[in-house]
Amino acid sequence: MDKSEILKKIGKRIKEVRLQKGISQADLVGKMDGNIDPTNISRIEAGRTNPTVITLFRIAEALEIKISDLVNVVD
């Protein structure tokens, strides 16, 4: 699995969880600890950017899930 495929799978997983919880991208940013550009969430979900571990941790906290639930993308 190459880098772009991993990023797309992680982004897809973030979007799936966010939508399951009925949270918009703007709401997710609002729930996150610290500052993040709302357009960055869009890029992460699309797999167009490589989020840091800290960003993934903050997203997981905001979604009230474990970070492993976001990054376990192995088929």
PDB file of N, CA and C in Angstrom:
ATOM      1  N   MET A   1       0.856  -1.169   0.000  1.00  0.00           N
ATOM      2  CA  MET A   1       0.000   0.000   0.000  1.00  0.00           C
ATOM      3  C   MET A   1       0.905   1.236   0.000  1.00  0.00           C
ATOM      4  N   ASP A   2       0.655   2.147  -0.921  1.00  0.00           N
ATOM      5  CA  ASP A   2       1.504   3.339  -0.994  1.00  0.00           C
ATOM      6  C   ASP A   2       0.956   4.468  -0.121  1.00  0.00           C
ATOM      7  N   LYS A   3       1.759   5.507   0.016  1.00  0.00           N
ATOM      8  CA  LYS A   3       1.449   6.625   0.912  1.00  0.00           C
ATOM      9  C   LYS A   3       0.101   7.263   0.586  1.00  0.00           C
ATOM     10  N   SER A   4      -0.163   7.533  -0.683  1.00  0.00           N
ATOM     11  CA  SER A   4      -1.405   8.218  -1.040  1.00  0.00           C
ATOM     12  C   SER A   4      -2.625   7.366  -0.710  1.00  0.00           C
ATOM     13  N   GLU A   5      -2.502   6.068  -0.868  1.00  0.00           N
ATOM     14  CA  GLU A   5      -3.616   5.176  -0.537  1.00  0.00           C
ATOM     15  C   GLU A   5      -3.877   5.173   0.969  1.00  0.00           C
ATOM     16  N   ILE A   6      -2.821   5.179   1.756  1.00  0.00           N
ATOM     17  CA  ILE A   6      -2.968   5.218   3.219  1.00  0.00           C
ATOM     18  C   ILE A   6      -3.652   6.511   3.639  1.00  0.00           C
ATOM     19  N   LEU A   7      -3.193   7.632   3.079  1.00  0.00           N
ATOM     20  CA  LEU A   7      -3.790   8.921   3.426  1.00  0.00           C
ATOM     21  C   LEU A   7      -5.266   8.977   3.050  1.00  0.00           C
ATOM     22  N   LYS A   8      -5.619   8.427   1.901  1.00  0.00           N
ATOM     23  CA  LYS A   8      -7.021   8.401   1.478  1.00  0.00           C
ATOM     24  C   LYS A   8      -7.867   7.544   2.407  1.00  0.00           C
ATOM     25  N   LYS A   9      -7.324   6.409   2.833  1.00  0.00           N
ATOM     26  CA  LYS A   9      -8.078   5.525   3.728  1.00  0.00           C
ATOM     27  C   LYS A   9      -8.277   6.159   5.098  1.00  0.00           C
ATOM     28  N   ILE A  10      -7.260   6.806   5.616  1.00  0.00           N
ATOM     29  CA  ILE A  10      -7.402   7.487   6.904  1.00  0.00           C
ATOM     30  C   ILE A  10      -8.413   8.625   6.779  1.00  0.00           C
ATOM     31  N   GLY A  11      -8.314   9.402   5.713  1.00  0.00           N
ATOM     32  CA  GLY A  11      -9.262  10.492   5.490  1.00  0.00           C
ATOM     33  C   GLY A  11     -10.687   9.994   5.365  1.00  0.00           C
ATOM     34  N   LYS A  12     -10.867   8.902   4.655  1.00  0.00           N
ATOM     35  CA  LYS A  12     -12.201   8.318   4.493  1.00  0.00           C
ATOM     36  C   LYS A  12     -12.749   7.875   5.843  1.00  0.00           C
ATOM     37  N   ARG A  13     -11.887   7.297   6.662  1.00  0.00           N
ATOM     38  CA  ARG A  13     -12.321   6.836   7.986  1.00  0.00           C
ATOM     39  C   ARG A  13     -12.733   8.017   8.866  1.00  0.00           C
ATOM     40  N   ILE A  14     -11.970   9.090   8.830  1.00  0.00           N
ATOM     41  CA  ILE A  14     -12.320  10.287   9.604  1.00  0.00           C
ATOM     42  C   ILE A  14     -13.686  10.806   9.165  1.00  0.00           C
ATOM     43  N   LYS A  15     -13.881  10.897   7.862  1.00  0.00           N
ATOM     44  CA  LYS A  15     -15.155  11.398   7.341  1.00  0.00           C
ATOM     45  C   LYS A  15     -16.312  10.485   7.737  1.00  0.00           C
ATOM     46  N   GLU A  16     -16.120   9.168   7.650  1.00  0.00           N
ATOM     47  CA  GLU A  16     -17.172   8.210   8.020  1.00  0.00           C
ATOM     48  C   GLU A  16     -17.599   8.406   9.473  1.00  0.00           C
ATOM     49  N   VAL A  17     -16.628   8.478  10.363  1.00  0.00           N
ATOM     50  CA  VAL A  17     -16.940   8.632  11.789  1.00  0.00           C
ATOM     51  C   VAL A  17     -17.619   9.979  12.032  1.00  0.00           C
ATOM     52  N   ARG A  18     -17.088  11.028  11.415  1.00  0.00           N
ATOM     53  CA  ARG A  18     -17.667  12.359  11.588  1.00  0.00           C
ATOM     54  C   ARG A  18     -19.128  12.383  11.152  1.00  0.00           C
ATOM     55  N   LEU A  19     -19.418  11.795   9.995  1.00  0.00           N
ATOM     56  CA  LEU A  19     -20.790  11.772   9.494  1.00  0.00           C
ATOM     57  C   LEU A  19     -21.692  10.895  10.354  1.00  0.00           C
ATOM     58  N   GLN A  20     -21.176   9.762  10.835  1.00  0.00           N
ATOM     59  CA  GLN A  20     -21.955   8.892  11.730  1.00  0.00           C
ATOM     60  C   GLN A  20     -22.380   9.641  12.985  1.00  0.00           C
ATOM     61  N   LYS A  21     -21.519  10.532  13.435  1.00  0.00           N
ATOM     62  CA  LYS A  21     -21.809  11.300  14.644  1.00  0.00           C
ATOM     63  C   LYS A  21     -22.579  12.576  14.347  1.00  0.00           C
ATOM     64  N   GLY A  22     -22.866  12.843  13.068  1.00  0.00           N
ATOM     65  CA  GLY A  22     -23.635  14.015  12.676  1.00  0.00           C
ATOM     66  C   GLY A  22     -22.910  15.327  12.912  1.00  0.00           C
ATOM     67  N   ILE A  23     -21.588  15.305  12.729  1.00  0.00           N
ATOM     68  CA  ILE A  23     -20.768  16.483  12.974  1.00  0.00           C
ATOM     69  C   ILE A  23     -20.277  17.047  11.636  1.00  0.00           C
ATOM     70  N   SER A  24     -20.431  18.346  11.464  1.00  0.00           N
ATOM     71  CA  SER A  24     -19.892  18.981  10.258  1.00  0.00           C
ATOM     72  C   SER A  24     -18.393  19.179  10.428  1.00  0.00           C
ATOM     73  N   GLN A  25     -17.722  19.501   9.332  1.00  0.00           N
ATOM     74  CA  GLN A  25     -16.290  19.789   9.419  1.00  0.00           C
ATOM     75  C   GLN A  25     -16.040  20.979  10.336  1.00  0.00           C
ATOM     76  N   ALA A  26     -16.876  21.992  10.242  1.00  0.00           N
ATOM     77  CA  ALA A  26     -16.722  23.177  11.095  1.00  0.00           C
ATOM     78  C   ALA A  26     -16.917  22.819  12.565  1.00  0.00           C
ATOM     79  N   ASP A  27     -17.889  21.956  12.838  1.00  0.00           N
ATOM     80  CA  ASP A  27     -18.118  21.523  14.217  1.00  0.00           C
ATOM     81  C   ASP A  27     -16.928  20.722  14.739  1.00  0.00           C
ATOM     82  N   LEU A  28     -16.359  19.894  13.880  1.00  0.00           N
ATOM     83  CA  LEU A  28     -15.196  19.108  14.284  1.00  0.00           C
ATOM     84  C   LEU A  28     -14.044  20.027  14.668  1.00  0.00           C
ATOM     85  N   VAL A  29     -13.793  21.035  13.847  1.00  0.00           N
ATOM     86  CA  VAL A  29     -12.736  22.004  14.149  1.00  0.00           C
ATOM     87  C   VAL A  29     -13.021  22.672  15.490  1.00  0.00           C
ATOM     88  N   GLY A  30     -14.277  23.021  15.735  1.00  0.00           N
ATOM     89  CA  GLY A  30     -14.650  23.671  16.985  1.00  0.00           C
ATOM     90  C   GLY A  30     -14.433  22.797  18.209  1.00  0.00           C
ATOM     91  N   LYS A  31     -14.552  21.481  18.032  1.00  0.00           N
ATOM     92  CA  LYS A  31     -14.367  20.548  19.151  1.00  0.00           C
ATOM     93  C   LYS A  31     -12.908  20.197  19.394  1.00  0.00           C
ATOM     94  N   MET A  32     -12.051  20.527  18.425  1.00  0.00           N
ATOM     95  CA  MET A  32     -10.644  20.156  18.547  1.00  0.00           C
ATOM     96  C   MET A  32      -9.903  21.106  19.462  1.00  0.00           C
ATOM     97  N   ASP A  33      -8.973  20.547  20.220  1.00  0.00           N
ATOM     98  CA  ASP A  33      -8.117  21.334  21.103  1.00  0.00           C
ATOM     99  C   ASP A  33      -7.033  21.995  20.262  1.00  0.00           C
ATOM    100  N   GLY A  34      -6.982  23.308  20.289  1.00  0.00           N
ATOM    101  CA  GLY A  34      -5.967  24.017  19.507  1.00  0.00           C
ATOM    102  C   GLY A  34      -6.542  24.560  18.221  1.00  0.00           C
ATOM    103  N   ASN A  35      -5.719  25.281  17.510  1.00  0.00           N
ATOM    104  CA  ASN A  35      -6.149  25.915  16.265  1.00  0.00           C
ATOM    105  C   ASN A  35      -5.829  25.030  15.076  1.00  0.00           C
ATOM    106  N   ILE A  36      -6.808  24.903  14.195  1.00  0.00           N
ATOM    107  CA  ILE A  36      -6.600  24.202  12.929  1.00  0.00           C
ATOM    108  C   ILE A  36      -7.469  24.901  11.890  1.00  0.00           C
ATOM    109  N   ASP A  37      -6.940  25.060  10.727  1.00  0.00           N
ATOM    110  CA  ASP A  37      -7.673  25.682   9.630  1.00  0.00           C
ATOM    111  C   ASP A  37      -8.773  24.721   9.177  1.00  0.00           C
ATOM    112  N   PRO A  38     -10.018  25.180   9.119  1.00  0.00           N
ATOM    113  CA  PRO A  38     -11.106  24.292   8.695  1.00  0.00           C
ATOM    114  C   PRO A  38     -10.867  23.635   7.334  1.00  0.00           C
ATOM    115  N   THR A  39     -10.170  24.335   6.432  1.00  0.00           N
ATOM    116  CA  THR A  39      -9.913  23.721   5.134  1.00  0.00           C
ATOM    117  C   THR A  39      -8.935  22.553   5.249  1.00  0.00           C
ATOM    118  N   ASN A  40      -8.170  22.525   6.335  1.00  0.00           N
ATOM    119  CA  ASN A  40      -7.245  21.414   6.539  1.00  0.00           C
ATOM    120  C   ASN A  40      -8.006  20.108   6.777  1.00  0.00           C
ATOM    121  N   ILE A  41      -9.137  20.173   7.459  1.00  0.00           N
ATOM    122  CA  ILE A  41      -9.955  18.975   7.669  1.00  0.00           C
ATOM    123  C   ILE A  41     -10.415  18.433   6.321  1.00  0.00           C
ATOM    124  N   SER A  42     -10.832  19.318   5.449  1.00  0.00           N
ATOM    125  CA  SER A  42     -11.253  18.911   4.113  1.00  0.00           C
ATOM    126  C   SER A  42     -10.114  18.209   3.372  1.00  0.00           C
ATOM    127  N   ARG A  43      -8.918  18.768   3.451  1.00  0.00           N
ATOM    128  CA  ARG A  43      -7.762  18.165   2.779  1.00  0.00           C
ATOM    129  C   ARG A  43      -7.402  16.810   3.394  1.00  0.00           C
ATOM    130  N   ILE A  44      -7.504  16.707   4.710  1.00  0.00           N
ATOM    131  CA  ILE A  44      -7.210  15.431   5.384  1.00  0.00           C
ATOM    132  C   ILE A  44      -8.216  14.376   4.948  1.00  0.00           C
ATOM    133  N   GLU A  45      -9.498  14.731   4.968  1.00  0.00           N
ATOM    134  CA  GLU A  45     -10.532  13.767   4.593  1.00  0.00           C
ATOM    135  C   GLU A  45     -10.404  13.327   3.133  1.00  0.00           C
ATOM    136  N   ALA A  46      -9.891  14.196   2.284  1.00  0.00           N
ATOM    137  CA  ALA A  46      -9.707  13.867   0.865  1.00  0.00           C
ATOM    138  C   ALA A  46      -8.402  13.117   0.610  1.00  0.00           C
ATOM    139  N   GLY A  47      -7.567  13.000   1.644  1.00  0.00           N
ATOM    140  CA  GLY A  47      -6.288  12.319   1.479  1.00  0.00           C
ATOM    141  C   GLY A  47      -5.258  13.144   0.746  1.00  0.00           C
ATOM    142  N   ARG A  48      -5.444  14.471   0.733  1.00  0.00           N
ATOM    143  CA  ARG A  48      -4.532  15.357   0.012  1.00  0.00           C
ATOM    144  C   ARG A  48      -3.413  15.921   0.872  1.00  0.00           C
ATOM    145  N   THR A  49      -3.453  15.641   2.170  1.00  0.00           N
ATOM    146  CA  THR A  49      -2.405  16.129   3.060  1.00  0.00           C
ATOM    147  C   THR A  49      -2.086  15.062   4.087  1.00  0.00           C
ATOM    148  N   ASN A  50      -0.881  15.107   4.593  1.00  0.00           N
ATOM    149  CA  ASN A  50      -0.414  14.133   5.567  1.00  0.00           C
ATOM    150  C   ASN A  50      -0.502  14.750   6.962  1.00  0.00           C
ATOM    151  N   PRO A  51      -1.541  14.394   7.740  1.00  0.00           N
ATOM    152  CA  PRO A  51      -1.690  14.999   9.055  1.00  0.00           C
ATOM    153  C   PRO A  51      -0.627  14.485  10.024  1.00  0.00           C
ATOM    154  N   THR A  52      -0.249  15.338  10.955  1.00  0.00           N
ATOM    155  CA  THR A  52       0.697  14.906  11.977  1.00  0.00           C
ATOM    156  C   THR A  52       0.001  13.960  12.949  1.00  0.00           C
ATOM    157  N   VAL A  53       0.778  13.269  13.720  1.00  0.00           N
ATOM    158  CA  VAL A  53       0.222  12.390  14.748  1.00  0.00           C
ATOM    159  C   VAL A  53      -0.591  13.218  15.749  1.00  0.00           C
ATOM    160  N   ILE A  54      -0.100  14.389  16.082  1.00  0.00           N
ATOM    161  CA  ILE A  54      -0.818  15.262  17.022  1.00  0.00           C
ATOM    162  C   ILE A  54      -2.179  15.665  16.454  1.00  0.00           C
ATOM    163  N   THR A  55      -2.227  15.995  15.166  1.00  0.00           N
ATOM    164  CA  THR A  55      -3.504  16.342  14.542  1.00  0.00           C
ATOM    165  C   THR A  55      -4.454  15.155  14.563  1.00  0.00           C
ATOM    166  N   LEU A  56      -3.954  13.965  14.250  1.00  0.00           N
ATOM    167  CA  LEU A  56      -4.803  12.773  14.302  1.00  0.00           C
ATOM    168  C   LEU A  56      -5.307  12.525  15.715  1.00  0.00           C
ATOM    169  N   PHE A  57      -4.447  12.739  16.705  1.00  0.00           N
ATOM    170  CA  PHE A  57      -4.841  12.570  18.100  1.00  0.00           C
ATOM    171  C   PHE A  57      -5.951  13.551  18.457  1.00  0.00           C
ATOM    172  N   ARG A  58      -5.796  14.808  18.035  1.00  0.00           N
ATOM    173  CA  ARG A  58      -6.805  15.820  18.326  1.00  0.00           C
ATOM    174  C   ARG A  58      -8.131  15.523  17.624  1.00  0.00           C
ATOM    175  N   ILE A  59      -8.065  15.014  16.397  1.00  0.00           N
ATOM    176  CA  ILE A  59      -9.285  14.628  15.677  1.00  0.00           C
ATOM    177  C   ILE A  59      -9.970  13.478  16.410  1.00  0.00           C
ATOM    178  N   ALA A  60      -9.195  12.481  16.800  1.00  0.00           N
ATOM    179  CA  ALA A  60      -9.756  11.338  17.518  1.00  0.00           C
ATOM    180  C   ALA A  60     -10.424  11.783  18.822  1.00  0.00           C
ATOM    181  N   GLU A  61      -9.760  12.652  19.556  1.00  0.00           N
ATOM    182  CA  GLU A  61     -10.354  13.169  20.800  1.00  0.00           C
ATOM    183  C   GLU A  61     -11.663  13.896  20.516  1.00  0.00           C
ATOM    184  N   ALA A  62     -11.682  14.724  19.488  1.00  0.00           N
ATOM    185  CA  ALA A  62     -12.882  15.480  19.151  1.00  0.00           C
ATOM    186  C   ALA A  62     -14.025  14.559  18.726  1.00  0.00           C
ATOM    187  N   LEU A  63     -13.671  13.443  18.088  1.00  0.00           N
ATOM    188  CA  LEU A  63     -14.684  12.468  17.662  1.00  0.00           C
ATOM    189  C   LEU A  63     -15.018  11.456  18.754  1.00  0.00           C
ATOM    190  N   GLU A  64     -14.295  11.566  19.885  1.00  0.00           N
ATOM    191  CA  GLU A  64     -14.490  10.684  21.039  1.00  0.00           C
ATOM    192  C   GLU A  64     -14.258   9.219  20.683  1.00  0.00           C
ATOM    193  N   ILE A  65     -13.154   8.992  19.958  1.00  0.00           N
ATOM    194  CA  ILE A  65     -12.731   7.637  19.622  1.00  0.00           C
ATOM    195  C   ILE A  65     -11.230   7.527  19.857  1.00  0.00           C
ATOM    196  N   LYS A  66     -10.728   6.304  19.768  1.00  0.00           N
ATOM    197  CA  LYS A  66      -9.285   6.094  19.910  1.00  0.00           C
ATOM    198  C   LYS A  66      -8.594   6.400  18.589  1.00  0.00           C
ATOM    199  N   ILE A  67      -7.378   6.897  18.673  1.00  0.00           N
ATOM    200  CA  ILE A  67      -6.614   7.196  17.465  1.00  0.00           C
ATOM    201  C   ILE A  67      -6.435   5.927  16.624  1.00  0.00           C
ATOM    202  N   SER A  68      -6.332   4.785  17.271  1.00  0.00           N
ATOM    203  CA  SER A  68      -6.165   3.522  16.531  1.00  0.00           C
ATOM    204  C   SER A  68      -7.374   3.245  15.643  1.00  0.00           C
ATOM    205  N   ASP A  69      -8.556   3.756  16.025  1.00  0.00           N
ATOM    206  CA  ASP A  69      -9.741   3.575  15.185  1.00  0.00           C
ATOM    207  C   ASP A  69      -9.627   4.365  13.878  1.00  0.00           C
ATOM    208  N   LEU A  70      -8.788   5.383  13.861  1.00  0.00           N
ATOM    209  CA  LEU A  70      -8.591   6.174  12.645  1.00  0.00           C
ATOM    210  C   LEU A  70      -7.524   5.606  11.746  1.00  0.00           C
ATOM    211  N   VAL A  71      -6.469   5.076  12.341  1.00  0.00           N
ATOM    212  CA  VAL A  71      -5.309   4.702  11.547  1.00  0.00           C
ATOM    213  C   VAL A  71      -5.230   3.207  11.219  1.00  0.00           C
ATOM    214  N   ASN A  72      -6.130   2.411  11.753  1.00  0.00           N
ATOM    215  CA  ASN A  72      -6.133   0.984  11.434  1.00  0.00           C
ATOM    216  C   ASN A  72      -6.814   0.790  10.081  1.00  0.00           C
ATOM    217  N   VAL A  73      -6.034   0.963   9.006  1.00  0.00           N
ATOM    218  CA  VAL A  73      -6.595   0.934   7.655  1.00  0.00           C
ATOM    219  C   VAL A  73      -6.126  -0.289   6.857  1.00  0.00           C
ATOM    220  N   VAL A  74      -5.471  -1.211   7.526  1.00  0.00           N
ATOM    221  CA  VAL A  74      -4.971  -2.406   6.837  1.00  0.00           C
ATOM    222  C   VAL A  74      -6.147  -3.307   6.515  1.00  0.00           C
ATOM    223  N   ASP A  75      -6.222  -3.739   5.270  1.00  0.00           N
ATOM    224  CA  ASP A  75      -7.308  -4.628   4.823  1.00  0.00           C
ATOM    225  C   ASP A  75      -7.077  -6.045   5.269  1.00  0.00           C
TER     226      ASP A  75
END
